[in-house]
Amino acid sequence: MKKLGVERILSLSAVGSLKEEHRPLDFVIPDQFFDRTRGRISTFFGEGLVAHVSFADPVCPQLATVADTACRVSGVNVKSGGTYLCMEGPAFSTKAESNIYRAWNMDVIGMTNLQEAKLAREAEICYTTIAMVTDYDCWHEEHDAVTVTDIIRVLNQNAENACKVVAAAVKAMPSARECKCGAALAHALITDRKLVPQSTIDRLAPIVSKYFL
C-alpha cells in the first residue's frame, strides 16, 4: 500500500460486543486498542534499525471523524470512541475471559485490527477502524438463543451498510491530511543513521527513505 502511494486506510471488520449498548448492526469507531495477541509481527523494524512510534492515540482523528460522518449520512447507528480488544483467536473467548474483558471496560472484541493499526502508524499511513457488531460475545445471557441464520442476516446487513459508509467516506474525504500520521517516524528512529545496514534501508525504503537522504 505504501508503494502504491496509499495515505489512508479505512478498515472494516466484524466484532463481538462487550457492552449491552453496542447492539448487532451497530458500528463502533474505537479510539483505543488493547492487545491480547501473542507472537504476531507488529513492526516493520529490526535488523539494525530501531524505531519507537507514538501510539498513545492509535487511530487518525481526522479519518475517524470522516468515518463517523459517513456512518451518520448513511443512516447507520454509530458510536465514536471506545476500546477494541484484539484477541489471538481463532477460537472465540471463554465466558471467563469475556467477563474479564467486560470488567476492564472494553467495548468490542475482534482478532485483526491491532497489528493493522501499529503497522499503518509505522508506515505513516492514516488508519481508523469501523467495527461492525455482529453479535454479543458469549457473556450475554441470550447469546445461546442466537441462531446461525440470525448471524448471517446481521453479517449481510453489515456488509450492505459498509458499502454505503465507504462510498460516503470516499466522497467526503478531504484532499489534505491535517493530522500527524504522515510524520510518525520523524522522531521515532532511534538508531544512529550511520550505523544502519544498507540492506535494512533498502528493505524499508518505502517507509524510511526520506529520513536517509
C-alpha atoms as a PDB file:
ATOM      1  CA  MET A   1       0.000   0.000   0.000  1.00  0.00           C
ATOM      2  CA  LYS A   2       2.837   2.398   0.780  1.00  0.00           C
ATOM      3  CA  LYS A   3       4.441   1.649  -2.572  1.00  0.00           C
ATOM      4  CA  LEU A   4       1.122   2.421  -4.268  1.00  0.00           C
ATOM      5  CA  GLY A   5       1.004   5.823  -2.582  1.00  0.00           C
ATOM      6  CA  VAL A   6      -1.792   4.987  -0.146  1.00  0.00           C
ATOM      7  CA  GLU A   7      -2.127   7.654   2.561  1.00  0.00           C
ATOM      8  CA  ARG A   8      -5.248   6.450   4.392  1.00  0.00           C
ATOM      9  CA  ILE A   9      -6.635   3.068   5.444  1.00  0.00           C
ATOM     10  CA  LEU A  10     -10.280   2.771   6.431  1.00  0.00           C
ATOM     11  CA  SER A  11     -10.543  -0.713   7.916  1.00  0.00           C
ATOM     12  CA  LEU A  12     -13.819  -2.557   8.426  1.00  0.00           C
ATOM     13  CA  SER A  13     -14.158  -5.732  10.458  1.00  0.00           C
ATOM     14  CA  ALA A  14     -16.750  -7.859  12.222  1.00  0.00           C
ATOM     15  CA  VAL A  15     -16.625  -7.725  16.025  1.00  0.00           C
ATOM     16  CA  GLY A  16     -18.410  -9.036  19.058  1.00  0.00           C
ATOM     17  CA  SER A  17     -19.954  -6.609  21.524  1.00  0.00           C
ATOM     18  CA  LEU A  18     -18.816  -6.453  25.132  1.00  0.00           C
ATOM     19  CA  LYS A  19     -21.451  -3.922  26.164  1.00  0.00           C
ATOM     20  CA  GLU A  20     -25.228  -4.038  26.028  1.00  0.00           C
ATOM     21  CA  GLU A  21     -25.288  -0.632  24.352  1.00  0.00           C
ATOM     22  CA  HIS A  22     -23.397  -1.903  21.279  1.00  0.00           C
ATOM     23  CA  ARG A  23     -26.075  -3.902  19.515  1.00  0.00           C
ATOM     24  CA  PRO A  24     -25.876  -6.098  16.411  1.00  0.00           C
ATOM     25  CA  LEU A  25     -25.920  -3.894  13.280  1.00  0.00           C
ATOM     26  CA  ASP A  26     -24.306  -1.004  15.207  1.00  0.00           C
ATOM     27  CA  PHE A  27     -20.948   0.336  14.028  1.00  0.00           C
ATOM     28  CA  VAL A  28     -18.295   1.394  16.553  1.00  0.00           C
ATOM     29  CA  ILE A  29     -15.298   3.581  15.712  1.00  0.00           C
ATOM     30  CA  PRO A  30     -12.853   2.820  18.542  1.00  0.00           C
ATOM     31  CA  ASP A  31     -10.157   5.279  19.527  1.00  0.00           C
ATOM     32  CA  GLN A  32      -8.155   2.799  21.617  1.00  0.00           C
ATOM     33  CA  PHE A  33      -6.858  -0.762  21.307  1.00  0.00           C
ATOM     34  CA  PHE A  34      -5.914  -3.385  23.885  1.00  0.00           C
ATOM     35  CA  ASP A  35      -3.557  -6.156  22.775  1.00  0.00           C
ATOM     36  CA  ARG A  36      -4.234  -9.741  23.858  1.00  0.00           C
ATOM     37  CA  THR A  37      -2.371 -11.377  20.976  1.00  0.00           C
ATOM     38  CA  ARG A  38       0.804 -13.431  21.243  1.00  0.00           C
ATOM     39  CA  GLY A  39       3.727 -13.558  18.850  1.00  0.00           C
ATOM     40  CA  ARG A  40       2.239 -11.660  15.923  1.00  0.00           C
ATOM     41  CA  ILE A  41       4.529  -9.475  13.846  1.00  0.00           C
ATOM     42  CA  SER A  42       3.677  -5.912  14.853  1.00  0.00           C
ATOM     43  CA  THR A  43       6.574  -3.929  13.420  1.00  0.00           C
ATOM     44  CA  PHE A  44       8.492  -3.407  10.189  1.00  0.00           C
ATOM     45  CA  PHE A  45      11.657  -2.572  12.113  1.00  0.00           C
ATOM     46  CA  GLY A  46      14.592  -4.568  13.434  1.00  0.00           C
ATOM     47  CA  GLU A  47      17.695  -5.831  11.633  1.00  0.00           C
ATOM     48  CA  GLY A  48      19.775  -2.870  12.714  1.00  0.00           C
ATOM     49  CA  LEU A  49      17.165  -0.120  12.831  1.00  0.00           C
ATOM     50  CA  VAL A  50      15.145   0.576  15.966  1.00  0.00           C
ATOM     51  CA  ALA A  51      12.024   2.756  15.876  1.00  0.00           C
ATOM     52  CA  HIS A  52       9.520   3.612  18.600  1.00  0.00           C
ATOM     53  CA  VAL A  53       6.479   5.359  17.140  1.00  0.00           C
ATOM     54  CA  SER A  54       3.998   7.186  19.324  1.00  0.00           C
ATOM     55  CA  PHE A  55       0.916   5.008  19.771  1.00  0.00           C
ATOM     56  CA  ALA A  56      -0.906   6.659  22.663  1.00  0.00           C
ATOM     57  CA  ASP A  57      -3.616   7.661  20.207  1.00  0.00           C
ATOM     58  CA  PRO A  58      -3.647   4.727  17.773  1.00  0.00           C
ATOM     59  CA  VAL A  59      -6.171   5.953  15.202  1.00  0.00           C
ATOM     60  CA  CYS A  60      -6.131   9.004  12.963  1.00  0.00           C
ATOM     61  CA  PRO A  61      -8.562  11.577  14.412  1.00  0.00           C
ATOM     62  CA  GLN A  62      -9.229  13.194  11.048  1.00  0.00           C
ATOM     63  CA  LEU A  63     -10.049   9.872   9.375  1.00  0.00           C
ATOM     64  CA  ALA A  64     -12.162   8.753  12.348  1.00  0.00           C
ATOM     65  CA  THR A  65     -14.247  11.921  12.028  1.00  0.00           C
ATOM     66  CA  VAL A  66     -14.774  11.278   8.322  1.00  0.00           C
ATOM     67  CA  ALA A  67     -15.866   7.703   9.123  1.00  0.00           C
ATOM     68  CA  ASP A  68     -18.271   8.853  11.824  1.00  0.00           C
ATOM     69  CA  THR A  69     -19.888  11.386   9.498  1.00  0.00           C
ATOM     70  CA  ALA A  70     -20.147   8.798   6.722  1.00  0.00           C
ATOM     71  CA  CYS A  71     -21.981   6.402   9.056  1.00  0.00           C
ATOM     72  CA  ARG A  72     -24.470   9.075  10.057  1.00  0.00           C
ATOM     73  CA  VAL A  73     -25.060  10.166   6.457  1.00  0.00           C
ATOM     74  CA  SER A  74     -25.648   6.513   5.554  1.00  0.00           C
ATOM     75  CA  GLY A  75     -28.201   6.034   8.328  1.00  0.00           C
ATOM     76  CA  VAL A  76     -26.044   3.617  10.328  1.00  0.00           C
ATOM     77  CA  ASN A  77     -26.178   3.743  14.127  1.00  0.00           C
ATOM     78  CA  VAL A  78     -22.614   4.595  15.157  1.00  0.00           C
ATOM     79  CA  LYS A  79     -20.674   5.303  18.325  1.00  0.00           C
ATOM     80  CA  SER A  80     -17.309   7.044  18.151  1.00  0.00           C
ATOM     81  CA  GLY A  81     -14.818   6.197  20.874  1.00  0.00           C
ATOM     82  CA  GLY A  82     -14.233   3.099  22.944  1.00  0.00           C
ATOM     83  CA  THR A  83     -11.704   0.300  23.142  1.00  0.00           C
ATOM     84  CA  TYR A  84     -11.224  -2.572  20.705  1.00  0.00           C
ATOM     85  CA  LEU A  85      -9.755  -5.645  22.420  1.00  0.00           C
ATOM     86  CA  CYS A  86      -7.700  -7.661  19.946  1.00  0.00           C
ATOM     87  CA  MET A  87      -7.617 -11.345  20.911  1.00  0.00           C
ATOM     88  CA  GLU A  88      -5.447 -14.089  19.455  1.00  0.00           C
ATOM     89  CA  GLY A  89      -8.122 -16.414  18.070  1.00  0.00           C
ATOM     90  CA  PRO A  90      -9.024 -18.358  16.062  1.00  0.00           C
ATOM     91  CA  ALA A  91     -11.295 -19.714  18.818  1.00  0.00           C
ATOM     92  CA  PHE A  92     -13.673 -17.298  20.482  1.00  0.00           C
ATOM     93  CA  SER A  93     -13.427 -16.295  24.152  1.00  0.00           C
ATOM     94  CA  THR A  94     -14.388 -18.382  27.125  1.00  0.00           C
ATOM     95  CA  LYS A  95     -17.117 -16.922  29.327  1.00  0.00           C
ATOM     96  CA  ALA A  96     -14.488 -16.230  31.994  1.00  0.00           C
ATOM     97  CA  GLU A  97     -12.370 -14.237  29.525  1.00  0.00           C
ATOM     98  CA  SER A  98     -15.366 -12.383  28.156  1.00  0.00           C
ATOM     99  CA  ASN A  99     -16.468 -11.316  31.631  1.00  0.00           C
ATOM    100  CA  ILE A 100     -12.934 -10.163  32.489  1.00  0.00           C
ATOM    101  CA  TYR A 101     -12.860  -8.014  29.347  1.00  0.00           C
ATOM    102  CA  ARG A 102     -16.185  -6.504  30.362  1.00  0.00           C
ATOM    103  CA  ALA A 103     -14.793  -5.776  33.815  1.00  0.00           C
ATOM    104  CA  TRP A 104     -11.909  -3.969  32.074  1.00  0.00           C
ATOM    105  CA  ASN A 105     -14.492  -1.762  30.321  1.00  0.00           C
ATOM    106  CA  MET A 106     -13.630  -2.984  26.831  1.00  0.00           C
ATOM    107  CA  ASP A 107     -16.216  -2.152  24.152  1.00  0.00           C
ATOM    108  CA  VAL A 108     -15.772  -4.634  21.312  1.00  0.00           C
ATOM    109  CA  ILE A 109     -13.643  -7.687  20.608  1.00  0.00           C
ATOM    110  CA  GLY A 110     -12.011  -8.870  17.397  1.00  0.00           C
ATOM    111  CA  MET A 111      -8.941 -10.669  16.069  1.00  0.00           C
ATOM    112  CA  THR A 112      -7.344  -8.425  13.461  1.00  0.00           C
ATOM    113  CA  ASN A 113      -7.090  -4.674  13.908  1.00  0.00           C
ATOM    114  CA  LEU A 114      -4.357  -4.050  16.472  1.00  0.00           C
ATOM    115  CA  GLN A 115      -1.493  -5.105  14.205  1.00  0.00           C
ATOM    116  CA  GLU A 116      -3.021  -3.224  11.282  1.00  0.00           C
ATOM    117  CA  ALA A 117      -3.026  -0.031  13.320  1.00  0.00           C
ATOM    118  CA  LYS A 118       0.579  -0.440  14.502  1.00  0.00           C
ATOM    119  CA  LEU A 119       1.952  -1.180  11.043  1.00  0.00           C
ATOM    120  CA  ALA A 120      -0.011   1.667   9.482  1.00  0.00           C
ATOM    121  CA  ARG A 121       1.424   4.096  12.035  1.00  0.00           C
ATOM    122  CA  GLU A 122       4.968   2.934  11.289  1.00  0.00           C
ATOM    123  CA  ALA A 123       4.268   3.364   7.579  1.00  0.00           C
ATOM    124  CA  GLU A 124       2.942   6.886   8.263  1.00  0.00           C
ATOM    125  CA  ILE A 125      -0.460   5.932   6.863  1.00  0.00           C
ATOM    126  CA  CYS A 126      -3.629   7.288   8.481  1.00  0.00           C
ATOM    127  CA  TYR A 127      -5.688   4.463   9.966  1.00  0.00           C
ATOM    128  CA  THR A 128      -9.056   4.012  11.593  1.00  0.00           C
ATOM    129  CA  THR A 129     -11.322   1.046  12.220  1.00  0.00           C
ATOM    130  CA  ILE A 130     -15.041   0.717  11.708  1.00  0.00           C
ATOM    131  CA  ALA A 131     -16.028  -2.183  13.946  1.00  0.00           C
ATOM    132  CA  MET A 132     -19.255  -3.758  12.745  1.00  0.00           C
ATOM    133  CA  VAL A 133     -21.089  -5.523  15.564  1.00  0.00           C
ATOM    134  CA  THR A 134     -22.429  -8.940  14.529  1.00  0.00           C
ATOM    135  CA  ASP A 135     -23.463 -10.311  17.928  1.00  0.00           C
ATOM    136  CA  TYR A 136     -22.847 -10.145  21.635  1.00  0.00           C
ATOM    137  CA  ASP A 137     -19.844 -12.056  22.905  1.00  0.00           C
ATOM    138  CA  CYS A 138     -20.507 -15.175  24.966  1.00  0.00           C
ATOM    139  CA  TRP A 139     -21.072 -13.159  28.171  1.00  0.00           C
ATOM    140  CA  HIS A 140     -24.603 -12.276  27.120  1.00  0.00           C
ATOM    141  CA  GLU A 141     -27.375 -14.302  28.740  1.00  0.00           C
ATOM    142  CA  GLU A 142     -29.280 -14.619  25.477  1.00  0.00           C
ATOM    143  CA  HIS A 143     -26.213 -15.440  23.379  1.00  0.00           C
ATOM    144  CA  ASP A 144     -27.123 -19.116  23.065  1.00  0.00           C
ATOM    145  CA  ALA A 145     -30.527 -18.147  21.659  1.00  0.00           C
ATOM    146  CA  VAL A 146     -28.913 -16.575  18.601  1.00  0.00           C
ATOM    147  CA  THR A 147     -29.053 -18.846  15.560  1.00  0.00           C
ATOM    148  CA  VAL A 148     -26.674 -19.139  12.630  1.00  0.00           C
ATOM    149  CA  THR A 149     -29.438 -17.674  10.480  1.00  0.00           C
ATOM    150  CA  ASP A 150     -29.535 -14.607  12.737  1.00  0.00           C
ATOM    151  CA  ILE A 151     -25.760 -14.142  12.487  1.00  0.00           C
ATOM    152  CA  ILE A 152     -25.741 -14.486   8.684  1.00  0.00           C
ATOM    153  CA  ARG A 153     -28.563 -11.966   8.431  1.00  0.00           C
ATOM    154  CA  VAL A 154     -26.607  -9.460  10.505  1.00  0.00           C
ATOM    155  CA  LEU A 155     -23.405 -10.093   8.538  1.00  0.00           C
ATOM    156  CA  ASN A 156     -25.183  -9.471   5.243  1.00  0.00           C
ATOM    157  CA  GLN A 157     -26.807  -6.285   6.527  1.00  0.00           C
ATOM    158  CA  ASN A 158     -23.483  -5.069   7.935  1.00  0.00           C
ATOM    159  CA  ALA A 159     -21.815  -5.699   4.566  1.00  0.00           C
ATOM    160  CA  GLU A 160     -24.524  -3.704   2.812  1.00  0.00           C
ATOM    161  CA  ASN A 161     -24.175  -0.851   5.282  1.00  0.00           C
ATOM    162  CA  ALA A 162     -20.378  -0.970   4.987  1.00  0.00           C
ATOM    163  CA  CYS A 163     -20.585  -0.363   1.224  1.00  0.00           C
ATOM    164  CA  LYS A 164     -22.709   2.719   1.828  1.00  0.00           C
ATOM    165  CA  VAL A 165     -20.373   4.028   4.513  1.00  0.00           C
ATOM    166  CA  VAL A 166     -17.213   3.529   2.456  1.00  0.00           C
ATOM    167  CA  ALA A 167     -18.781   5.285  -0.541  1.00  0.00           C
ATOM    168  CA  ALA A 168     -19.835   8.221   1.643  1.00  0.00           C
ATOM    169  CA  ALA A 169     -16.404   8.387   3.307  1.00  0.00           C
ATOM    170  CA  VAL A 170     -14.535   8.411  -0.002  1.00  0.00           C
ATOM    171  CA  LYS A 171     -16.840  11.102  -1.345  1.00  0.00           C
ATOM    172  CA  ALA A 172     -16.237  13.327   1.683  1.00  0.00           C
ATOM    173  CA  MET A 173     -12.510  12.614   2.122  1.00  0.00           C
ATOM    174  CA  PRO A 174     -10.504  15.860   2.359  1.00  0.00           C
ATOM    175  CA  SER A 175      -7.587  16.178  -0.035  1.00  0.00           C
ATOM    176  CA  ALA A 176      -5.129  17.315   2.640  1.00  0.00           C
ATOM    177  CA  ARG A 177      -4.118  15.377   5.711  1.00  0.00           C
ATOM    178  CA  GLU A 178      -4.377  17.587   8.792  1.00  0.00           C
ATOM    179  CA  CYS A 179      -3.002  15.042  11.256  1.00  0.00           C
ATOM    180  CA  LYS A 180       0.388  13.885  12.500  1.00  0.00           C
ATOM    181  CA  CYS A 181       0.257  10.440  10.893  1.00  0.00           C
ATOM    182  CA  GLY A 182       2.351  11.468   7.887  1.00  0.00           C
ATOM    183  CA  ALA A 183       5.316  12.309  10.125  1.00  0.00           C
ATOM    184  CA  ALA A 184       5.076   9.473  12.642  1.00  0.00           C
ATOM    185  CA  LEU A 185       8.708   8.460  12.122  1.00  0.00           C
ATOM    186  CA  ALA A 186      10.158  11.967  12.333  1.00  0.00           C
ATOM    187  CA  HIS A 187      11.249  11.490  15.949  1.00  0.00           C
ATOM    188  CA  ALA A 188      10.887   7.705  16.188  1.00  0.00           C
ATOM    189  CA  LEU A 189      14.080   6.421  14.554  1.00  0.00           C
ATOM    190  CA  ILE A 190      16.461   5.676  17.422  1.00  0.00           C
ATOM    191  CA  THR A 191      19.493   4.112  15.738  1.00  0.00           C
ATOM    192  CA  ASP A 192      22.334   6.348  14.567  1.00  0.00           C
ATOM    193  CA  ARG A 193      21.729   6.732  10.832  1.00  0.00           C
ATOM    194  CA  LYS A 194      25.401   5.968  10.057  1.00  0.00           C
ATOM    195  CA  LEU A 195      25.129   2.563  11.758  1.00  0.00           C
ATOM    196  CA  VAL A 196      22.039   1.250   9.947  1.00  0.00           C
ATOM    197  CA  PRO A 197      22.867  -1.549   7.475  1.00  0.00           C
ATOM    198  CA  GLN A 198      22.238  -0.599   3.870  1.00  0.00           C
ATOM    199  CA  SER A 199      20.246  -3.795   3.374  1.00  0.00           C
ATOM    200  CA  THR A 200      17.785  -2.645   6.040  1.00  0.00           C
ATOM    201  CA  ILE A 201      17.492   0.806   4.496  1.00  0.00           C
ATOM    202  CA  ASP A 202      16.788  -0.819   1.138  1.00  0.00           C
ATOM    203  CA  ARG A 203      14.184  -3.171   2.625  1.00  0.00           C
ATOM    204  CA  LEU A 204      12.361  -0.317   4.368  1.00  0.00           C
ATOM    205  CA  ALA A 205      12.877   2.232   1.599  1.00  0.00           C
ATOM    206  CA  PRO A 206       9.144   2.889   1.015  1.00  0.00           C
ATOM    207  CA  ILE A 207       8.849   3.906   4.674  1.00  0.00           C
ATOM    208  CA  VAL A 208      12.202   5.427   5.697  1.00  0.00           C
ATOM    209  CA  SER A 209      13.928   6.672   2.558  1.00  0.00           C
ATOM    210  CA  LYS A 210      13.033  10.330   3.178  1.00  0.00           C
ATOM    211  CA  TYR A 211      14.826  10.138   6.536  1.00  0.00           C
ATOM    212  CA  PHE A 212      18.063   8.846   4.972  1.00  0.00           C
ATOM    213  CA  LEU A 213      18.585  11.436   2.251  1.00  0.00           C
END
